[in-house]
N, C-alpha and C. Protein backbone atom coordinates (compact mmCIF):
# COMPACT_ATOMS: atom_id res chain seq x y z
N MET A 1 108.51 107.27 160.44
CA MET A 1 107.69 106.62 161.45
C MET A 1 107.69 107.47 162.72
N LYS A 2 106.52 107.61 163.30
CA LYS A 2 106.34 108.40 164.51
C LYS A 2 106.57 107.51 165.73
N TYR A 3 107.43 107.95 166.66
CA TYR A 3 107.68 107.18 167.87
C TYR A 3 106.64 107.51 168.93
N VAL A 4 106.16 106.46 169.60
CA VAL A 4 105.14 106.64 170.63
C VAL A 4 105.53 105.92 171.91
N ARG A 5 105.00 106.43 173.00
CA ARG A 5 105.09 105.74 174.30
C ARG A 5 103.79 104.98 174.44
N GLU A 6 103.87 103.68 174.59
CA GLU A 6 102.67 102.86 174.69
C GLU A 6 102.25 102.70 176.14
N LEU A 7 101.02 103.09 176.42
CA LEU A 7 100.42 102.94 177.73
C LEU A 7 99.07 102.26 177.54
N GLU A 8 98.41 101.92 178.64
CA GLU A 8 97.11 101.28 178.56
C GLU A 8 96.18 101.87 179.62
N ALA A 9 94.90 101.95 179.29
CA ALA A 9 93.87 102.29 180.26
C ALA A 9 93.28 100.97 180.74
N TRP A 10 93.16 100.81 182.07
CA TRP A 10 92.64 99.57 182.67
C TRP A 10 91.50 99.88 183.63
N SER A 11 90.58 98.95 183.72
CA SER A 11 89.56 99.03 184.76
C SER A 11 90.20 98.57 186.07
N LYS A 12 89.60 98.98 187.16
CA LYS A 12 90.09 98.53 188.47
C LYS A 12 89.42 97.21 188.82
N PRO A 13 90.09 96.38 189.60
CA PRO A 13 89.48 95.14 190.06
C PRO A 13 88.17 95.40 190.82
N GLY A 14 87.31 94.38 190.82
CA GLY A 14 86.07 94.48 191.55
C GLY A 14 84.89 94.97 190.73
N HIS A 15 85.11 95.11 189.42
CA HIS A 15 84.05 95.59 188.54
C HIS A 15 83.96 94.70 187.32
N LEU A 16 82.77 94.60 186.76
CA LEU A 16 82.55 93.94 185.48
C LEU A 16 81.92 94.97 184.56
N LEU A 17 82.53 95.19 183.43
CA LEU A 17 82.04 96.18 182.47
C LEU A 17 81.50 95.49 181.23
N HIS A 18 80.65 96.18 180.52
CA HIS A 18 80.12 95.66 179.25
C HIS A 18 81.29 95.36 178.31
N PRO A 19 81.21 94.29 177.52
CA PRO A 19 82.32 93.94 176.62
C PRO A 19 82.75 95.08 175.68
N ALA A 20 81.83 95.95 175.27
CA ALA A 20 82.17 97.04 174.35
C ALA A 20 82.51 98.34 175.09
N TYR A 21 82.66 98.28 176.41
CA TYR A 21 82.92 99.49 177.19
C TYR A 21 84.14 100.26 176.69
N GLY A 22 85.19 99.57 176.30
CA GLY A 22 86.40 100.25 175.82
C GLY A 22 86.13 101.13 174.61
N LYS A 23 85.25 100.68 173.72
CA LYS A 23 84.89 101.47 172.54
C LYS A 23 84.04 102.67 172.94
N VAL A 24 83.17 102.51 173.96
CA VAL A 24 82.38 103.62 174.47
C VAL A 24 83.31 104.64 175.13
N LEU A 25 84.27 104.15 175.90
CA LEU A 25 85.25 105.01 176.55
C LEU A 25 86.04 105.79 175.50
N GLN A 26 86.41 105.11 174.42
CA GLN A 26 87.14 105.76 173.33
C GLN A 26 86.37 106.99 172.82
N GLN A 27 85.09 106.81 172.56
CA GLN A 27 84.27 107.91 172.06
C GLN A 27 84.22 109.07 173.07
N ALA A 28 84.09 108.73 174.35
CA ALA A 28 84.05 109.75 175.39
C ALA A 28 85.38 110.52 175.45
N MET A 29 86.48 109.81 175.32
CA MET A 29 87.79 110.46 175.36
C MET A 29 87.98 111.38 174.15
N TRP A 30 87.55 110.93 173.00
CA TRP A 30 87.66 111.77 171.80
C TRP A 30 86.84 113.04 171.96
N LYS A 31 85.65 112.92 172.56
CA LYS A 31 84.80 114.10 172.77
C LYS A 31 85.44 115.09 173.73
N LYS A 32 86.32 114.59 174.61
CA LYS A 32 87.00 115.46 175.57
C LYS A 32 88.28 116.05 174.98
N GLY A 33 88.54 115.78 173.70
CA GLY A 33 89.68 116.41 173.03
C GLY A 33 90.92 115.54 172.90
N ILE A 34 90.86 114.29 173.31
CA ILE A 34 92.02 113.40 173.16
C ILE A 34 92.07 113.00 171.67
N PRO A 35 93.22 113.16 171.02
CA PRO A 35 93.30 112.84 169.59
C PRO A 35 92.93 111.39 169.29
N GLU A 36 92.27 111.18 168.16
CA GLU A 36 91.78 109.86 167.78
C GLU A 36 92.91 108.84 167.59
N ASP A 37 94.08 109.28 167.18
CA ASP A 37 95.18 108.32 166.98
C ASP A 37 95.93 108.02 168.27
N VAL A 38 95.56 108.67 169.36
CA VAL A 38 96.22 108.46 170.65
C VAL A 38 95.46 107.46 171.51
N PHE A 39 94.14 107.52 171.50
CA PHE A 39 93.33 106.69 172.40
C PHE A 39 92.48 105.72 171.59
N LEU A 40 92.78 104.43 171.70
CA LEU A 40 92.14 103.40 170.89
C LEU A 40 91.46 102.37 171.80
N GLY A 41 90.15 102.44 171.89
CA GLY A 41 89.38 101.57 172.77
C GLY A 41 89.38 100.12 172.31
N LEU A 42 89.32 99.21 173.27
CA LEU A 42 89.32 97.77 173.00
C LEU A 42 87.99 97.16 173.44
N SER A 43 87.57 96.15 172.72
CA SER A 43 86.41 95.35 173.13
C SER A 43 86.92 94.11 173.85
N ALA A 44 86.17 93.63 174.82
CA ALA A 44 86.55 92.43 175.57
C ALA A 44 85.91 91.22 174.90
N ILE A 45 86.72 90.42 174.27
CA ILE A 45 86.22 89.22 173.61
C ILE A 45 86.82 88.01 174.32
N PRO A 46 85.98 87.25 175.04
CA PRO A 46 86.51 86.06 175.73
C PRO A 46 87.17 85.10 174.73
N GLU A 47 88.30 84.56 175.14
CA GLU A 47 89.02 83.64 174.26
C GLU A 47 89.69 82.55 175.08
N GLU A 48 90.25 81.59 174.40
CA GLU A 48 90.86 80.43 175.04
C GLU A 48 91.98 80.82 176.02
N THR A 49 92.67 81.93 175.75
CA THR A 49 93.75 82.34 176.65
C THR A 49 93.24 82.66 178.05
N HIS A 50 91.98 83.11 178.15
CA HIS A 50 91.41 83.36 179.48
C HIS A 50 91.30 82.04 180.26
N CYS A 51 90.88 80.99 179.58
CA CYS A 51 90.79 79.67 180.23
C CYS A 51 92.17 79.18 180.66
N GLU A 52 93.16 79.38 179.79
CA GLU A 52 94.52 78.96 180.11
C GLU A 52 95.08 79.75 181.29
N SER A 53 94.85 81.06 181.29
CA SER A 53 95.34 81.91 182.39
C SER A 53 94.69 81.51 183.71
N LEU A 54 93.39 81.23 183.67
CA LEU A 54 92.68 80.79 184.88
C LEU A 54 93.26 79.47 185.38
N LYS A 55 93.45 78.54 184.48
CA LYS A 55 93.99 77.22 184.85
C LYS A 55 95.38 77.36 185.49
N LEU A 56 96.24 78.18 184.89
CA LEU A 56 97.59 78.38 185.44
C LEU A 56 97.54 79.05 186.81
N ALA A 57 96.64 80.03 186.97
CA ALA A 57 96.54 80.71 188.27
C ALA A 57 96.05 79.77 189.35
N ILE A 58 95.16 78.86 189.01
CA ILE A 58 94.68 77.88 189.99
C ILE A 58 95.77 76.86 190.29
N GLN A 59 96.47 76.40 189.27
CA GLN A 59 97.56 75.43 189.48
C GLN A 59 98.67 76.01 190.34
N SER A 60 98.94 77.31 190.19
CA SER A 60 100.02 77.95 190.95
C SER A 60 99.60 78.27 192.38
N GLY A 61 98.30 78.17 192.67
CA GLY A 61 97.81 78.49 194.00
C GLY A 61 97.45 79.95 194.17
N GLU A 62 97.61 80.74 193.12
CA GLU A 62 97.27 82.16 193.16
C GLU A 62 95.76 82.35 193.34
N LEU A 63 94.98 81.47 192.71
CA LEU A 63 93.52 81.47 192.81
C LEU A 63 93.06 80.07 193.18
N THR A 64 91.81 79.96 193.61
CA THR A 64 91.26 78.64 193.90
C THR A 64 90.08 78.35 192.99
N GLU A 65 89.89 77.07 192.72
CA GLU A 65 88.76 76.67 191.90
C GLU A 65 87.45 76.99 192.63
N ASP A 66 87.45 76.87 193.95
CA ASP A 66 86.25 77.19 194.73
C ASP A 66 85.85 78.66 194.56
N SER A 67 86.84 79.57 194.59
CA SER A 67 86.51 80.99 194.43
C SER A 67 85.96 81.26 193.03
N PHE A 68 86.47 80.54 192.02
CA PHE A 68 85.95 80.66 190.66
C PHE A 68 84.50 80.19 190.62
N LYS A 69 84.24 79.04 191.21
CA LYS A 69 82.88 78.48 191.19
C LYS A 69 81.89 79.39 191.96
N GLU A 70 82.32 79.94 193.08
CA GLU A 70 81.48 80.86 193.84
C GLU A 70 81.16 82.10 193.02
N PHE A 71 82.17 82.63 192.34
CA PHE A 71 81.97 83.80 191.49
C PHE A 71 80.94 83.49 190.40
N CYS A 72 81.12 82.36 189.74
CA CYS A 72 80.20 81.98 188.66
C CYS A 72 78.77 81.85 189.18
N LEU A 73 78.62 81.21 190.32
CA LEU A 73 77.29 81.03 190.91
C LEU A 73 76.64 82.39 191.21
N SER A 74 77.41 83.29 191.79
CA SER A 74 76.85 84.60 192.16
C SER A 74 76.60 85.51 190.96
N HIS A 75 77.21 85.20 189.81
CA HIS A 75 77.02 86.03 188.61
C HIS A 75 76.24 85.31 187.51
N GLY A 76 75.69 84.14 187.83
CA GLY A 76 74.87 83.42 186.86
C GLY A 76 75.64 82.93 185.64
N LEU A 77 76.88 82.51 185.86
CA LEU A 77 77.73 82.04 184.76
C LEU A 77 78.00 80.54 184.90
N PRO A 78 78.29 79.86 183.81
CA PRO A 78 78.67 78.45 183.91
C PRO A 78 79.95 78.33 184.74
N ASP A 79 80.01 77.33 185.65
CA ASP A 79 81.20 77.20 186.50
C ASP A 79 82.24 76.26 185.92
N SER A 80 82.24 76.12 184.63
CA SER A 80 83.23 75.30 183.93
C SER A 80 84.47 76.13 183.61
N MET A 81 85.64 75.58 183.93
CA MET A 81 86.88 76.28 183.62
C MET A 81 87.14 76.31 182.11
N GLN A 82 86.33 75.63 181.34
CA GLN A 82 86.44 75.67 179.88
C GLN A 82 85.54 76.76 179.29
N SER A 83 84.76 77.43 180.13
CA SER A 83 83.90 78.52 179.64
C SER A 83 84.74 79.78 179.48
N LYS A 84 84.91 80.20 178.24
CA LYS A 84 85.70 81.40 177.95
C LYS A 84 85.11 82.63 178.63
N GLU A 85 83.78 82.76 178.57
CA GLU A 85 83.12 83.92 179.17
C GLU A 85 83.31 83.93 180.69
N SER A 86 83.12 82.80 181.34
CA SER A 86 83.27 82.73 182.80
C SER A 86 84.70 83.04 183.21
N ALA A 87 85.66 82.44 182.52
CA ALA A 87 87.06 82.69 182.85
C ALA A 87 87.41 84.16 182.66
N ALA A 88 86.98 84.74 181.53
CA ALA A 88 87.29 86.14 181.24
C ALA A 88 86.68 87.07 182.29
N LYS A 89 85.44 86.84 182.65
CA LYS A 89 84.77 87.71 183.62
C LYS A 89 85.38 87.56 185.02
N PHE A 90 85.73 86.34 185.40
CA PHE A 90 86.35 86.12 186.70
C PHE A 90 87.70 86.85 186.78
N LEU A 91 88.51 86.71 185.76
CA LEU A 91 89.81 87.38 185.75
C LEU A 91 89.65 88.89 185.71
N GLU A 92 88.67 89.38 184.95
CA GLU A 92 88.41 90.83 184.92
C GLU A 92 88.03 91.32 186.30
N TYR A 93 87.18 90.60 186.98
CA TYR A 93 86.73 91.01 188.31
C TYR A 93 87.90 91.05 189.30
N LEU A 94 88.80 90.10 189.19
CA LEU A 94 89.93 90.03 190.13
C LEU A 94 91.07 90.98 189.78
N GLU A 95 91.32 91.17 188.47
CA GLU A 95 92.52 91.89 188.06
C GLU A 95 92.24 93.18 187.29
N GLY A 96 90.99 93.42 186.90
CA GLY A 96 90.70 94.51 185.98
C GLY A 96 90.95 94.02 184.57
N ARG A 97 90.71 94.90 183.58
CA ARG A 97 90.99 94.50 182.20
C ARG A 97 91.44 95.70 181.40
N ALA A 98 92.18 95.42 180.36
CA ALA A 98 92.62 96.48 179.46
C ALA A 98 91.41 97.05 178.74
N LEU A 99 91.26 98.37 178.78
CA LEU A 99 90.14 99.05 178.14
C LEU A 99 90.54 99.74 176.85
N ALA A 100 91.81 100.19 176.80
CA ALA A 100 92.25 100.93 175.63
C ALA A 100 93.77 100.97 175.57
N TRP A 101 94.26 101.14 174.36
CA TRP A 101 95.68 101.43 174.15
C TRP A 101 95.83 102.93 174.06
N ILE A 102 96.87 103.43 174.65
CA ILE A 102 97.20 104.85 174.56
C ILE A 102 98.54 104.94 173.86
N HIS A 103 98.53 105.51 172.66
CA HIS A 103 99.76 105.67 171.87
C HIS A 103 100.16 107.14 171.93
N LEU A 104 100.91 107.47 172.95
CA LEU A 104 101.30 108.86 173.21
C LEU A 104 102.54 109.21 172.40
N PRO A 105 102.40 110.12 171.43
CA PRO A 105 103.58 110.50 170.65
C PRO A 105 104.68 111.05 171.56
N ILE A 106 105.91 110.70 171.28
CA ILE A 106 107.04 111.15 172.09
C ILE A 106 107.07 112.69 172.15
N ASP A 107 106.69 113.33 171.05
CA ASP A 107 106.72 114.79 171.00
C ASP A 107 105.35 115.41 171.34
N ALA A 108 104.51 114.66 172.04
CA ALA A 108 103.17 115.17 172.39
C ALA A 108 103.28 116.36 173.33
N GLU A 109 102.27 117.19 173.28
CA GLU A 109 102.15 118.32 174.21
C GLU A 109 102.30 117.78 175.63
N PRO A 110 103.14 118.39 176.47
CA PRO A 110 103.37 117.87 177.83
C PRO A 110 102.11 117.76 178.69
N THR A 111 101.07 118.47 178.33
CA THR A 111 99.83 118.43 179.13
C THR A 111 98.92 117.26 178.73
N LEU A 112 99.23 116.56 177.62
CA LEU A 112 98.34 115.52 177.12
C LEU A 112 98.25 114.32 178.07
N LEU A 113 99.38 113.78 178.51
CA LEU A 113 99.33 112.63 179.40
C LEU A 113 98.64 112.95 180.73
N PRO A 114 98.98 114.06 181.40
CA PRO A 114 98.26 114.37 182.64
C PRO A 114 96.75 114.53 182.41
N MET A 115 96.36 115.07 181.25
CA MET A 115 94.93 115.21 180.95
C MET A 115 94.28 113.84 180.80
N ILE A 116 94.94 112.91 180.10
CA ILE A 116 94.40 111.56 179.93
C ILE A 116 94.28 110.87 181.28
N VAL A 117 95.33 110.94 182.09
CA VAL A 117 95.33 110.30 183.41
C VAL A 117 94.21 110.86 184.27
N LYS A 118 94.00 112.17 184.24
CA LYS A 118 92.96 112.82 185.04
C LYS A 118 91.57 112.33 184.60
N ILE A 119 91.31 112.32 183.31
CA ILE A 119 90.00 111.90 182.81
C ILE A 119 89.74 110.44 183.16
N ILE A 120 90.74 109.59 182.92
CA ILE A 120 90.60 108.16 183.20
C ILE A 120 90.38 107.93 184.70
N SER A 121 91.11 108.65 185.51
CA SER A 121 90.96 108.54 186.96
C SER A 121 89.57 108.96 187.41
N GLU A 122 89.06 110.04 186.85
CA GLU A 122 87.72 110.52 187.21
C GLU A 122 86.65 109.50 186.83
N LEU A 123 86.91 108.67 185.84
CA LEU A 123 85.97 107.63 185.41
C LEU A 123 86.14 106.34 186.22
N GLY A 124 87.11 106.34 187.14
CA GLY A 124 87.30 105.18 188.01
C GLY A 124 88.26 104.14 187.46
N HIS A 125 89.09 104.54 186.50
CA HIS A 125 90.04 103.61 185.89
C HIS A 125 91.46 104.10 186.12
N ILE A 126 92.43 103.36 185.62
CA ILE A 126 93.83 103.73 185.78
C ILE A 126 94.56 103.65 184.44
N VAL A 127 95.66 104.39 184.34
CA VAL A 127 96.58 104.31 183.20
C VAL A 127 97.81 103.59 183.70
N ILE A 128 98.22 102.57 182.97
CA ILE A 128 99.41 101.81 183.38
C ILE A 128 100.44 101.76 182.27
N ASP A 129 101.66 101.49 182.67
CA ASP A 129 102.75 101.21 181.74
C ASP A 129 102.78 99.69 181.58
N PRO A 130 102.47 99.15 180.40
CA PRO A 130 102.38 97.70 180.24
C PRO A 130 103.72 96.97 180.40
N ASP A 131 104.82 97.71 180.35
CA ASP A 131 106.13 97.06 180.52
C ASP A 131 106.32 96.53 181.94
N ASP A 132 105.78 97.26 182.92
CA ASP A 132 105.95 96.82 184.31
C ASP A 132 104.62 96.76 185.08
N MET A 133 103.52 97.07 184.38
CA MET A 133 102.16 97.06 184.95
C MET A 133 101.99 98.01 186.13
N ASN A 134 102.82 99.06 186.18
CA ASN A 134 102.70 100.07 187.23
C ASN A 134 101.81 101.21 186.76
N PRO A 135 100.99 101.74 187.68
CA PRO A 135 100.15 102.89 187.33
C PRO A 135 100.98 104.13 187.03
N ILE A 136 100.45 104.96 186.14
CA ILE A 136 101.05 106.26 185.82
C ILE A 136 100.26 107.30 186.61
N ASN A 137 100.95 108.16 187.30
CA ASN A 137 100.25 109.20 188.10
C ASN A 137 100.24 110.50 187.36
C-alpha cells in the first residue's frame, strides 16, 4: 500500500461555483502535469447534511436566519432551511467548498506540492490540510 498525505483544494469564501467545477479543475490540473492519481476533483451535490450544518450554525449563533434569507433572496433561491440547494450554496458562499482531494504520495517529488499550491493559488483557490483546516503555503 502506498502512503499518502491527504490535502484538499478549496474555493475561497465569497464565490459560488458550478457544481461540477471540481471535475473541470481536475482536468485542468491533469493538463498541467499533475498526476491523475494525485488530484481528484469533486462535484458539489447538495445533501441533507448541508441543511443540518446550517441549522446548527444558526442555533449556535454563528450565522443568522436573516442572513440566510437575504442570501437566498439575492440569489433567487428558496429561503427554506430545508432546501438542500439553498443551504449548500449559502455555506459555500460563506465558507468556501472542497473542490478536490489531493493524495500526495509520501515519496513524491519535492517540487510537486509547491507546484500544486502555485497552480491552485493562481486560480483563486487554496490548498488546506483537512486535519486542522489550515492553508498550505
